[in-house]
PDB file of N, CA and C in Angstrom:
ATOM      1  N   ILE A   1     -10.796   5.212  -1.534  1.00  0.00           N
ATOM      2  CA  ILE A   1      -9.935   5.997  -2.152  1.00  0.00           C
ATOM      3  C   ILE A   1      -8.901   5.313  -2.432  1.00  0.00           C
ATOM      4  N   PRO A   2      -7.614   5.425  -3.290  1.00  0.00           N
ATOM      5  CA  PRO A   2      -6.087   4.659  -3.537  1.00  0.00           C
ATOM      6  C   PRO A   2      -5.536   5.102  -2.442  1.00  0.00           C
ATOM      7  N   LEU A   3      -4.665   4.876  -1.680  1.00  0.00           N
ATOM      8  CA  LEU A   3      -4.020   4.559  -0.569  1.00  0.00           C
ATOM      9  C   LEU A   3      -3.221   6.187  -1.213  1.00  0.00           C
ATOM     10  N   ARG A   4      -2.572   6.129  -2.131  1.00  0.00           N
ATOM     11  CA  ARG A   4      -1.940   7.527  -2.218  1.00  0.00           C
ATOM     12  C   ARG A   4      -2.871   8.780  -2.566  1.00  0.00           C
ATOM     13  N   LYS A   5      -4.308   8.693  -3.349  1.00  0.00           N
ATOM     14  CA  LYS A   5      -4.504   9.446  -3.057  1.00  0.00           C
ATOM     15  C   LYS A   5      -4.693  10.414  -1.365  1.00  0.00           C
ATOM     16  N   ALA A   6      -5.369   9.346  -0.897  1.00  0.00           N
ATOM     17  CA  ALA A   6      -5.196   9.317   0.695  1.00  0.00           C
ATOM     18  C   ALA A   6      -4.458  10.411   1.445  1.00  0.00           C
ATOM     19  N   LEU A   7      -2.854   9.149   1.096  1.00  0.00           N
ATOM     20  CA  LEU A   7      -1.570   9.814   1.601  1.00  0.00           C
ATOM     21  C   LEU A   7      -2.091  11.497   1.013  1.00  0.00           C
ATOM     22  N   ASP A   8      -1.816  11.988   0.372  1.00  0.00           N
ATOM     23  CA  ASP A   8      -1.759  13.234   0.015  1.00  0.00           C
ATOM     24  C   ASP A   8      -2.993  13.714   0.331  1.00  0.00           C
ATOM     25  N   LEU A   9      -4.001  13.785   0.410  1.00  0.00           N
ATOM     26  CA  LEU A   9      -4.810  14.806   1.022  1.00  0.00           C
ATOM     27  C   LEU A   9      -4.549  14.892   1.993  1.00  0.00           C
ATOM     28  N   CYS A  10      -4.720  13.693   3.075  1.00  0.00           N
ATOM     29  CA  CYS A  10      -4.109  14.002   4.422  1.00  0.00           C
ATOM     30  C   CYS A  10      -2.845  15.186   4.474  1.00  0.00           C
ATOM     31  N   GLU A  11      -1.551  14.577   3.689  1.00  0.00           N
ATOM     32  CA  GLU A  11      -0.525  15.452   3.619  1.00  0.00           C
ATOM     33  C   GLU A  11      -1.065  17.024   3.211  1.00  0.00           C
ATOM     34  N   GLN A  12      -1.793  17.500   1.839  1.00  0.00           N
ATOM     35  CA  GLN A  12      -3.123  18.980   2.193  1.00  0.00           C
ATOM     36  C   GLN A  12      -3.084  19.447   3.325  1.00  0.00           C
ATOM     37  N   THR A  13      -4.506  18.432   3.436  1.00  0.00           N
ATOM     38  CA  THR A  13      -5.188  18.806   5.440  1.00  0.00           C
ATOM     39  C   THR A  13      -4.329  19.284   6.006  1.00  0.00           C
ATOM     40  N   ASN A  14      -3.144  18.321   6.106  1.00  0.00           N
ATOM     41  CA  ASN A  14      -2.955  18.037   7.725  1.00  0.00           C
ATOM     42  C   ASN A  14      -1.688  17.227   8.162  1.00  0.00           C
ATOM     43  N   PRO A  15      -0.913  18.030   8.039  1.00  0.00           N
ATOM     44  CA  PRO A  15       0.874  17.487   7.005  1.00  0.00           C
ATOM     45  C   PRO A  15       1.475  17.112   8.129  1.00  0.00           C
ATOM     46  N   LYS A  16       0.802  18.253   9.370  1.00  0.00           N
ATOM     47  CA  LYS A  16       1.919  17.027  10.331  1.00  0.00           C
ATOM     48  C   LYS A  16       1.195  15.468  10.919  1.00  0.00           C
ATOM     49  N   ALA A  17      -0.551  15.835  10.503  1.00  0.00           N
ATOM     50  CA  ALA A  17      -1.089  14.263  10.583  1.00  0.00           C
ATOM     51  C   ALA A  17      -0.415  13.214   9.343  1.00  0.00           C
ATOM     52  N   ILE A  18       1.135  13.398   9.123  1.00  0.00           N
ATOM     53  CA  ILE A  18       0.799  12.407   7.922  1.00  0.00           C
ATOM     54  C   ILE A  18       1.884  11.054   8.141  1.00  0.00           C
ATOM     55  N   GLY A  19       2.200  11.736   9.281  1.00  0.00           N
ATOM     56  CA  GLY A  19       3.193  10.044  10.151  1.00  0.00           C
ATOM     57  C   GLY A  19       2.399   9.575  10.472  1.00  0.00           C
ATOM     58  N   ALA A  20       1.551   9.885  12.112  1.00  0.00           N
ATOM     59  CA  ALA A  20       0.512   9.474  12.072  1.00  0.00           C
ATOM     60  C   ALA A  20      -0.601   8.711  11.847  1.00  0.00           C
ATOM     61  N   PHE A  21      -1.166   9.450  10.175  1.00  0.00           N
ATOM     62  CA  PHE A  21      -1.932   8.337   9.124  1.00  0.00           C
ATOM     63  C   PHE A  21      -1.167   7.494   8.335  1.00  0.00           C
ATOM     64  N   SER A  22       0.132   7.910   7.889  1.00  0.00           N
ATOM     65  CA  SER A  22       0.583   6.549   7.543  1.00  0.00           C
ATOM     66  C   SER A  22       0.500   5.826   8.250  1.00  0.00           C
ATOM     67  N   CYS A  23       0.579   5.685   9.727  1.00  0.00           N
ATOM     68  CA  CYS A  23       1.283   3.927  10.368  1.00  0.00           C
ATOM     69  C   CYS A  23       0.143   3.781  10.971  1.00  0.00           C
ATOM     70  N   ILE A  24      -1.054   3.951  10.949  1.00  0.00           N
ATOM     71  CA  ILE A  24      -2.422   3.466  11.197  1.00  0.00           C
ATOM     72  C   ILE A  24      -2.794   2.438   9.876  1.00  0.00           C
ATOM     73  N   LEU A  25      -2.470   2.961   8.602  1.00  0.00           N
ATOM     74  CA  LEU A  25      -2.726   3.025   7.468  1.00  0.00           C
ATOM     75  C   LEU A  25      -2.213   1.494   6.810  1.00  0.00           C
ATOM     76  N   ALA A  26      -0.366   1.506   7.674  1.00  0.00           N
ATOM     77  CA  ALA A  26       0.355   0.199   7.350  1.00  0.00           C
ATOM     78  C   ALA A  26      -0.666  -1.035   8.262  1.00  0.00           C
ATOM     79  N   VAL A  27      -1.110  -0.117   9.533  1.00  0.00           N
ATOM     80  CA  VAL A  27      -1.655  -1.730  10.595  1.00  0.00           C
ATOM     81  C   VAL A  27      -2.660  -1.853   9.635  1.00  0.00           C
ATOM     82  N   ILE A  28      -3.822  -1.360   9.095  1.00  0.00           N
ATOM     83  CA  ILE A  28      -4.824  -2.068   7.440  1.00  0.00           C
ATOM     84  C   ILE A  28      -4.347  -2.825   7.407  1.00  0.00           C
ATOM     85  N   LEU A  29      -2.952  -1.709   6.103  1.00  0.00           N
ATOM     86  CA  LEU A  29      -2.966  -3.077   5.102  1.00  0.00           C
ATOM     87  C   LEU A  29      -2.875  -4.343   5.390  1.00  0.00           C
ATOM     88  N   ALA A  30      -1.464  -3.596   6.764  1.00  0.00           N
ATOM     89  CA  ALA A  30      -1.513  -5.472   7.383  1.00  0.00           C
ATOM     90  C   ALA A  30      -2.189  -6.599   7.441  1.00  0.00           C
ATOM     91  N   MET A  31      -3.044  -6.153   7.661  1.00  0.00           N
ATOM     92  CA  MET A  31      -4.475  -6.868   9.199  1.00  0.00           C
ATOM     93  C   MET A  31      -4.862  -7.434   7.657  1.00  0.00           C
ATOM     94  N   GLU A  32      -5.450  -6.902   6.511  1.00  0.00           N
ATOM     95  CA  GLU A  32      -5.789  -6.928   4.991  1.00  0.00           C
ATOM     96  C   GLU A  32      -5.459  -8.058   4.353  1.00  0.00           C
ATOM     97  N   GLY A  33      -3.949  -7.642   4.466  1.00  0.00           N
ATOM     98  CA  GLY A  33      -3.172  -8.820   3.822  1.00  0.00           C
ATOM     99  C   GLY A  33      -1.630  -8.734   3.122  1.00  0.00           C
ATOM    100  N   ASP A  34      -1.990  -7.186   3.010  1.00  0.00           N
ATOM    101  CA  ASP A  34      -0.998  -6.509   2.432  1.00  0.00           C
ATOM    102  C   ASP A  34       0.474  -5.833   2.998  1.00  0.00           C
ATOM    103  N   LEU A  35       0.778  -7.112   3.255  1.00  0.00           N
ATOM    104  CA  LEU A  35       2.327  -6.767   4.173  1.00  0.00           C
ATOM    105  C   LEU A  35       3.275  -5.900   3.126  1.00  0.00           C
ATOM    106  N   HIS A  36       3.256  -6.542   2.199  1.00  0.00           N
ATOM    107  CA  HIS A  36       4.899  -5.574   1.473  1.00  0.00           C
ATOM    108  C   HIS A  36       4.572  -4.105   1.185  1.00  0.00           C
ATOM    109  N   GLN A  37       3.096  -3.811   0.881  1.00  0.00           N
ATOM    110  CA  GLN A  37       2.427  -2.288   0.958  1.00  0.00           C
ATOM    111  C   GLN A  37       3.191  -2.168   2.635  1.00  0.00           C
ATOM    112  N   ALA A  38       2.061  -2.296   3.394  1.00  0.00           N
ATOM    113  CA  ALA A  38       1.916  -2.325   4.916  1.00  0.00           C
ATOM    114  C   ALA A  38       3.739  -1.877   5.630  1.00  0.00           C
ATOM    115  N   ASN A  39       4.373  -2.905   4.874  1.00  0.00           N
ATOM    116  CA  ASN A  39       6.100  -3.220   5.543  1.00  0.00           C
ATOM    117  C   ASN A  39       6.754  -1.423   4.438  1.00  0.00           C
ATOM    118  N   THR A  40       5.998  -1.245   3.386  1.00  0.00           N
ATOM    119  CA  THR A  40       7.130  -0.290   2.704  1.00  0.00           C
ATOM    120  C   THR A  40       6.660   1.532   3.725  1.00  0.00           C
ATOM    121  N   LEU A  41       4.878   1.310   4.160  1.00  0.00           N
ATOM    122  CA  LEU A  41       4.673   2.386   4.125  1.00  0.00           C
ATOM    123  C   LEU A  41       5.429   2.570   5.821  1.00  0.00           C
ATOM    124  N   ILE A  42       4.921   1.758   7.005  1.00  0.00           N
ATOM    125  CA  ILE A  42       5.664   1.787   7.834  1.00  0.00           C
ATOM    126  C   ILE A  42       7.038   1.477   7.922  1.00  0.00           C
ATOM    127  N   GLU A  43       7.827   1.791   7.166  1.00  0.00           N
ATOM    128  CA  GLU A  43       9.621   2.228   7.640  1.00  0.00           C
ATOM    129  C   GLU A  43       9.402   3.525   6.193  1.00  0.00           C
ATOM    130  N   ASP A  44       8.690   3.765   5.739  1.00  0.00           N
ATOM    131  CA  ASP A  44       8.957   4.806   5.335  1.00  0.00           C
ATOM    132  C   ASP A  44       8.454   6.254   6.038  1.00  0.00           C
ATOM    133  N   SER A  45       7.045   5.422   7.093  1.00  0.00           N
ATOM    134  CA  SER A  45       6.377   7.080   8.139  1.00  0.00           C
ATOM    135  C   SER A  45       7.409   7.272   9.010  1.00  0.00           C
ATOM    136  N   GLU A  46       9.385   6.131   9.734  1.00  0.00           N
ATOM    137  CA  GLU A  46       9.578   6.239  10.834  1.00  0.00           C
ATOM    138  C   GLU A  46       9.756   7.971  10.904  1.00  0.00           C
ATOM    139  N   ALA A  47      10.695   8.491   9.933  1.00  0.00           N
ATOM    140  CA  ALA A  47      11.514   9.733   9.654  1.00  0.00           C
ATOM    141  C   ALA A  47       9.884  10.493  10.137  1.00  0.00           C
ATOM    142  N   CYS A  48       9.197  10.745  10.128  1.00  0.00           N
ATOM    143  CA  CYS A  48       7.295  11.957  10.050  1.00  0.00           C
ATOM    144  C   CYS A  48       7.931  11.674  11.400  1.00  0.00           C
ATOM    145  N   ILE A  49       7.707  10.439  12.570  1.00  0.00           N
ATOM    146  CA  ILE A  49       7.401  10.331  13.275  1.00  0.00           C
ATOM    147  C   ILE A  49       8.726  10.734  14.687  1.00  0.00           C
ATOM    148  N   GLN A  50       9.627  10.509  14.455  1.00  0.00           N
ATOM    149  CA  GLN A  50      10.760  11.005  15.845  1.00  0.00           C
ATOM    150  C   GLN A  50      11.052  11.693  16.364  1.00  0.00           C
ATOM    151  N   VAL A  51      10.594  13.138  15.346  1.00  0.00           N
ATOM    152  CA  VAL A  51      10.506  14.257  16.549  1.00  0.00           C
ATOM    153  C   VAL A  51       9.855  14.022  18.272  1.00  0.00           C
ATOM    154  N   GLU A  52       8.879  14.172  18.056  1.00  0.00           N
ATOM    155  CA  GLU A  52       8.122  13.954  19.951  1.00  0.00           C
ATOM    156  C   GLU A  52       8.212  12.992  20.078  1.00  0.00           C
ATOM    157  N   PRO A  53       8.335  12.692  20.944  1.00  0.00           N
ATOM    158  CA  PRO A  53       8.949  11.145  21.739  1.00  0.00           C
ATOM    159  C   PRO A  53       7.769  10.577  21.859  1.00  0.00           C
ATOM    160  N   ASP A  54       6.609  10.638  22.373  1.00  0.00           N
ATOM    161  CA  ASP A  54       5.526  10.230  22.627  1.00  0.00           C
ATOM    162  C   ASP A  54       5.226   9.409  21.232  1.00  0.00           C
ATOM    163  N   GLU A  55       5.036  10.558  20.309  1.00  0.00           N
ATOM    164  CA  GLU A  55       4.787   9.870  19.085  1.00  0.00           C
ATOM    165  C   GLU A  55       5.755   9.186  18.890  1.00  0.00           C
ATOM    166  N   HIS A  56       7.083   9.301  18.699  1.00  0.00           N
ATOM    167  CA  HIS A  56       7.295   7.348  17.679  1.00  0.00           C
ATOM    168  C   HIS A  56       6.867   6.608  18.724  1.00  0.00           C
ATOM    169  N   GLY A  57       7.298   6.429  20.319  1.00  0.00           N
ATOM    170  CA  GLY A  57       6.749   5.013  20.936  1.00  0.00           C
ATOM    171  C   GLY A  57       5.645   5.162  20.528  1.00  0.00           C
ATOM    172  N   LYS A  58       4.791   5.236  19.967  1.00  0.00           N
ATOM    173  CA  LYS A  58       2.939   5.156  19.133  1.00  0.00           C
ATOM    174  C   LYS A  58       3.279   4.740  17.985  1.00  0.00           C
ATOM    175  N   PHE A  59       4.440   5.534  17.588  1.00  0.00           N
ATOM    176  CA  PHE A  59       4.712   4.386  16.360  1.00  0.00           C
ATOM    177  C   PHE A  59       4.896   3.055  15.965  1.00  0.00           C
ATOM    178  N   LEU A  60       5.982   3.529  16.764  1.00  0.00           N
ATOM    179  CA  LEU A  60       6.911   1.801  17.308  1.00  0.00           C
ATOM    180  C   LEU A  60       6.001   0.832  17.148  1.00  0.00           C
ATOM    181  N   CYS A  61       4.975   1.129  18.420  1.00  0.00           N
ATOM    182  CA  CYS A  61       3.640   0.209  18.577  1.00  0.00           C
ATOM    183  C   CYS A  61       2.969  -0.199  17.566  1.00  0.00           C
ATOM    184  N   LYS A  62       2.835   0.822  16.579  1.00  0.00           N
ATOM    185  CA  LYS A  62       2.307   0.213  15.236  1.00  0.00           C
ATOM    186  C   LYS A  62       3.431  -0.268  14.405  1.00  0.00           C
ATOM    187  N   LYS A  63       4.315   0.074  14.588  1.00  0.00           N
ATOM    188  CA  LYS A  63       5.479  -0.849  13.681  1.00  0.00           C
ATOM    189  C   LYS A  63       5.741  -2.491  14.272  1.00  0.00           C
ATOM    190  N   GLY A  64       5.220  -2.593  15.497  1.00  0.00           N
ATOM    191  CA  GLY A  64       5.494  -3.927  15.701  1.00  0.00           C
ATOM    192  C   GLY A  64       4.500  -4.427  15.451  1.00  0.00           C
ATOM    193  N   MET A  65       2.867  -3.906  15.540  1.00  0.00           N
ATOM    194  CA  MET A  65       1.851  -5.053  14.828  1.00  0.00           C
ATOM    195  C   MET A  65       1.363  -5.698  13.266  1.00  0.00           C
ATOM    196  N   VAL A  66       2.928  -4.410  12.715  1.00  0.00           N
ATOM    197  CA  VAL A  66       2.575  -5.012  11.198  1.00  0.00           C
ATOM    198  C   VAL A  66       4.357  -5.832  10.910  1.00  0.00           C
ATOM    199  N   LYS A  67       4.873  -5.490  12.044  1.00  0.00           N
ATOM    200  CA  LYS A  67       6.161  -6.539  12.311  1.00  0.00           C
ATOM    201  C   LYS A  67       5.149  -8.265  12.758  1.00  0.00           C
ATOM    202  N   LEU A  68       4.529  -8.479  13.311  1.00  0.00           N
ATOM    203  CA  LEU A  68       4.208  -9.234  13.795  1.00  0.00           C
ATOM    204  C   LEU A  68       2.606  -9.586  12.858  1.00  0.00           C
ATOM    205  N   LEU A  69       2.364  -8.788  12.690  1.00  0.00           N
ATOM    206  CA  LEU A  69       1.395  -9.156  10.803  1.00  0.00           C
ATOM    207  C   LEU A  69       2.252  -9.965   9.923  1.00  0.00           C
ATOM    208  N   SER A  70       3.456  -9.422   9.928  1.00  0.00           N
ATOM    209  CA  SER A  70       3.865  -9.528   8.446  1.00  0.00           C
ATOM    210  C   SER A  70       5.096 -10.917   9.010  1.00  0.00           C
ATOM    211  N   ASN A  71       4.617 -11.530   9.982  1.00  0.00           N
ATOM    212  CA  ASN A  71       5.488 -12.940  10.237  1.00  0.00           C
ATOM    213  C   ASN A  71       6.650 -12.794  10.646  1.00  0.00           C
ATOM    214  N   GLN A  72       7.247 -11.319  11.548  1.00  0.00           N
ATOM    215  CA  GLN A  72       8.179 -11.014  11.977  1.00  0.00           C
ATOM    216  C   GLN A  72       8.673 -10.864  13.443  1.00  0.00           C
ATOM    217  N   PRO A  73       8.470 -11.391  14.290  1.00  0.00           N
ATOM    218  CA  PRO A  73       8.478 -11.569  15.949  1.00  0.00           C
ATOM    219  C   PRO A  73       9.656 -11.027  16.025  1.00  0.00           C
ATOM    220  N   LYS A  74      11.197 -10.754  15.425  1.00  0.00           N
ATOM    221  CA  LYS A  74      11.808 -10.334  15.796  1.00  0.00           C
ATOM    222  C   LYS A  74      11.959  -8.878  15.975  1.00  0.00           C
ATOM    223  N   ALA A  75      11.666  -8.356  15.223  1.00  0.00           N
ATOM    224  CA  ALA A  75      11.130  -7.322  14.489  1.00  0.00           C
ATOM    225  C   ALA A  75      10.324  -6.013  15.024  1.00  0.00           C
ATOM    226  N   ALA A  76       9.056  -7.021  15.495  1.00  0.00           N
ATOM    227  CA  ALA A  76       8.062  -6.732  16.283  1.00  0.00           C
ATOM    228  C   ALA A  76       8.754  -5.778  18.097  1.00  0.00           C
ATOM    229  N   LEU A  77       9.815  -7.152  18.628  1.00  0.00           N
ATOM    230  CA  LEU A  77       9.931  -7.064  19.259  1.00  0.00           C
ATOM    231  C   LEU A  77      11.421  -6.270  19.713  1.00  0.00           C
ATOM    232  N   GLU A  78      11.525  -5.505  19.135  1.00  0.00           N
ATOM    233  CA  GLU A  78      12.078  -4.632  18.713  1.00  0.00           C
ATOM    234  C   GLU A  78      12.325  -2.804  19.012  1.00  0.00           C
ATOM    235  N   ALA A  79      10.981  -3.199  18.525  1.00  0.00           N
ATOM    236  CA  ALA A  79       9.545  -2.104  18.040  1.00  0.00           C
ATOM    237  C   ALA A  79       8.934  -2.046  19.454  1.00  0.00           C
ATOM    238  N   PHE A  80       9.186  -3.287  20.290  1.00  0.00           N
ATOM    239  CA  PHE A  80       8.263  -2.845  21.780  1.00  0.00           C
ATOM    240  C   PHE A  80       8.875  -2.195  22.475  1.00  0.00           C
ATOM    241  N   ASN A  81      10.418  -3.109  22.432  1.00  0.00           N
ATOM    242  CA  ASN A  81      11.409  -2.940  23.185  1.00  0.00           C
ATOM    243  C   ASN A  81      11.810  -1.445  23.629  1.00  0.00           C
ATOM    244  N   GLU A  82      12.133  -0.561  22.111  1.00  0.00           N
ATOM    245  CA  GLU A  82      11.942   0.851  21.794  1.00  0.00           C
ATOM    246  C   GLU A  82      11.128   2.055  22.075  1.00  0.00           C
ATOM    247  N   ALA A  83       9.870   1.356  21.821  1.00  0.00           N
ATOM    248  CA  ALA A  83       8.931   1.764  22.244  1.00  0.00           C
ATOM    249  C   ALA A  83       8.749   2.266  23.898  1.00  0.00           C
ATOM    250  N   GLN A  84       8.958   1.239  24.740  1.00  0.00           N
ATOM    251  CA  GLN A  84       9.238   0.771  26.261  1.00  0.00           C
ATOM    252  C   GLN A  84       9.922   1.640  26.584  1.00  0.00           C
ATOM    253  N   GLN A  85      11.535   2.165  25.966  1.00  0.00           N
ATOM    254  CA  GLN A  85      12.768   2.709  26.643  1.00  0.00           C
ATOM    255  C   GLN A  85      11.580   4.290  27.271  1.00  0.00           C
ATOM    256  N   ILE A  86      11.023   4.726  25.913  1.00  0.00           N
ATOM    257  CA  ILE A  86      10.598   6.145  25.213  1.00  0.00           C
ATOM    258  C   ILE A  86       9.980   5.932  26.346  1.00  0.00           C
ATOM    259  N   ALA A  87       8.724   5.109  26.454  1.00  0.00           N
ATOM    260  CA  ALA A  87       7.806   5.687  27.747  1.00  0.00           C
ATOM    261  C   ALA A  87       8.412   5.644  29.571  1.00  0.00           C
ATOM    262  N   ASP A  88      10.312   4.642  29.672  1.00  0.00           N
ATOM    263  CA  ASP A  88      10.213   5.232  30.974  1.00  0.00           C
ATOM    264  C   ASP A  88      10.820   6.438  31.203  1.00  0.00           C
ATOM    265  N   LYS A  89      11.526   6.630  30.267  1.00  0.00           N
ATOM    266  CA  LYS A  89      11.910   8.547  29.969  1.00  0.00           C
ATOM    267  C   LYS A  89      11.139   9.056  30.190  1.00  0.00           C
ATOM    268  N   LEU A  90       9.626   9.488  29.412  1.00  0.00           N
ATOM    269  CA  LEU A  90       9.021   9.880  29.564  1.00  0.00           C
ATOM    270  C   LEU A  90       8.111   9.824  30.814  1.00  0.00           C
ATOM    271  N   GLN A  91       8.525   8.677  31.517  1.00  0.00           N
ATOM    272  CA  GLN A  91       7.772   8.639  32.587  1.00  0.00           C
ATOM    273  C   GLN A  91       6.123   8.553  32.419  1.00  0.00           C
ATOM    274  N   LEU A  92       5.164   8.641  32.013  1.00  0.00           N
ATOM    275  CA  LEU A  92       4.064   7.497  31.193  1.00  0.00           C
ATOM    276  C   LEU A  92       3.021   7.305  32.666  1.00  0.00           C
ATOM    277  N   ASN A  93       1.625   8.088  32.997  1.00  0.00           N
ATOM    278  CA  ASN A  93       1.240   6.828  33.806  1.00  0.00           C
ATOM    279  C   ASN A  93       0.157   5.742  32.864  1.00  0.00           C
ATOM    280  N   LYS A  94       0.173   5.029  33.520  1.00  0.00           N
ATOM    281  CA  LYS A  94      -0.830   3.857  33.105  1.00  0.00           C
ATOM    282  C   LYS A  94      -2.522   3.945  32.201  1.00  0.00           C
ATOM    283  N   ASN A  95      -2.438   5.215  31.982  1.00  0.00           N
ATOM    284  CA  ASN A  95      -3.302   5.091  30.614  1.00  0.00           C
ATOM    285  C   ASN A  95      -3.444   6.187  29.756  1.00  0.00           C
ATOM    286  N   SER A  96      -1.667   6.761  30.034  1.00  0.00           N
ATOM    287  CA  SER A  96      -1.220   7.596  28.891  1.00  0.00           C
ATOM    288  C   SER A  96      -1.366   6.252  27.038  1.00  0.00           C
ATOM    289  N   GLU A  97      -2.091   7.143  26.025  1.00  0.00           N
ATOM    290  CA  GLU A  97      -2.120   6.007  25.274  1.00  0.00           C
ATOM    291  C   GLU A  97      -0.980   5.870  24.811  1.00  0.00           C
ATOM    292  N   LEU A  98       0.355   5.894  25.199  1.00  0.00           N
ATOM    293  CA  LEU A  98       1.741   4.644  24.087  1.00  0.00           C
ATOM    294  C   LEU A  98       1.603   3.980  25.482  1.00  0.00           C
ATOM    295  N   GLU A  99       0.878   4.629  27.492  1.00  0.00           N
ATOM    296  CA  GLU A  99       1.232   3.149  27.265  1.00  0.00           C
ATOM    297  C   GLU A  99       0.680   1.997  26.655  1.00  0.00           C
ATOM    298  N   LYS A 100      -1.388   2.274  27.097  1.00  0.00           N
ATOM    299  CA  LYS A 100      -2.022   1.471  26.033  1.00  0.00           C
ATOM    300  C   LYS A 100      -1.152   0.919  25.148  1.00  0.00           C
ATOM    301  N   ALA A 101      -0.662   1.523  23.916  1.00  0.00           N
ATOM    302  CA  ALA A 101      -0.483   0.833  22.978  1.00  0.00           C
ATOM    303  C   ALA A 101       0.580  -0.528  23.331  1.00  0.00           C
ATOM    304  N   LEU A 102       1.346   0.271  24.065  1.00  0.00           N
ATOM    305  CA  LEU A 102       2.071  -1.173  24.792  1.00  0.00           C
ATOM    306  C   LEU A 102       2.121  -2.201  25.427  1.00  0.00           C
ATOM    307  N   SER A 103       0.907  -1.985  26.089  1.00  0.00           N
ATOM    308  CA  SER A 103       0.039  -3.111  27.028  1.00  0.00           C
ATOM    309  C   SER A 103      -0.804  -3.993  24.763  1.00  0.00           C
ATOM    310  N   LYS A 104      -0.699  -3.215  24.386  1.00  0.00           N
ATOM    311  CA  LYS A 104      -1.740  -3.842  23.562  1.00  0.00           C
ATOM    312  C   LYS A 104      -0.666  -4.938  22.391  1.00  0.00           C
ATOM    313  N   LEU A 105       0.817  -3.975  22.643  1.00  0.00           N
ATOM    314  CA  LEU A 105       1.350  -4.674  21.618  1.00  0.00           C
ATOM    315  C   LEU A 105       1.926  -5.820  22.704  1.00  0.00           C
ATOM    316  N   LYS A 106       2.713  -5.722  23.169  1.00  0.00           N
ATOM    317  CA  LYS A 106       2.711  -7.025  24.406  1.00  0.00           C
ATOM    318  C   LYS A 106       1.926  -7.891  24.885  1.00  0.00           C
ATOM    319  N   MET A 107       0.981  -7.709  24.765  1.00  0.00           N
ATOM    320  CA  MET A 107      -0.178  -8.832  24.722  1.00  0.00           C
ATOM    321  C   MET A 107      -0.765  -9.525  23.425  1.00  0.00           C
ATOM    322  N   GLN A 108      -0.405  -9.238  22.405  1.00  0.00           N
ATOM    323  CA  GLN A 108      -0.009  -9.436  20.737  1.00  0.00           C
ATOM    324  C   GLN A 108       1.370 -10.074  21.418  1.00  0.00           C
ATOM    325  N   LEU A 109       2.631  -9.539  21.373  1.00  0.00           N
ATOM    326  CA  LEU A 109       3.447 -10.679  21.511  1.00  0.00           C
ATOM    327  C   LEU A 109       3.962 -11.791  21.929  1.00  0.00           C
ATOM    328  N   GLY A 110       2.940 -12.052  23.313  1.00  0.00           N
ATOM    329  CA  GLY A 110       2.444 -12.864  23.829  1.00  0.00           C
ATOM    330  C   GLY A 110       2.062 -13.778  23.190  1.00  0.00           C
ATOM    331  N   LYS A 111       0.684 -13.563  22.563  1.00  0.00           N
ATOM    332  CA  LYS A 111       0.157 -14.453  21.784  1.00  0.00           C
ATOM    333  C   LYS A 111       1.149 -15.185  20.588  1.00  0.00           C
ATOM    334  N   HIS A 112       1.992 -14.634  20.332  1.00  0.00           N
ATOM    335  CA  HIS A 112       2.462 -14.903  19.225  1.00  0.00           C
ATOM    336  C   HIS A 112       3.862 -16.299  19.502  1.00  0.00           C
ATOM    337  N   ASN A 113       3.722 -16.164  20.826  1.00  0.00           N
ATOM    338  CA  ASN A 113       5.367 -16.965  21.111  1.00  0.00           C
ATOM    339  C   ASN A 113       4.699 -17.891  21.663  1.00  0.00           C
TER     340      ASN A 113
END
C-alpha cells in the first residue's frame, strides 16, 4: 500500500491512532533508508500526539530512533531527554510502554556514541 493511502485509511478507520501510526511508519521508513520521508513524517506527526503525555513520550522515543537512523544523534538525545522528563513527571513503573521505549532508545544512543 502506498504511504499516503495507508495514512488515509488509518485516518478514516481510527482517527485517534493516526499520530501513533505515522510514528511507526516513520521508524520503518528510516530503517529502510528513506530518511527524508521518515523525518518529514515524524515531524508532521508530533502535533497529533502532544495531547496525551504518555503518548507524547512514546512518540518522542520513536522520533529519537528516526533521528538516530538519520545520523542526527544530537536531535535523538534531545528527544530522549524530553521523553525522560515526561516519564519522570508521570512517575511510571519500569514495565510501562514508555519506560520500555526509553530503555530501548537509551541503549541505541549508547551504541551510537
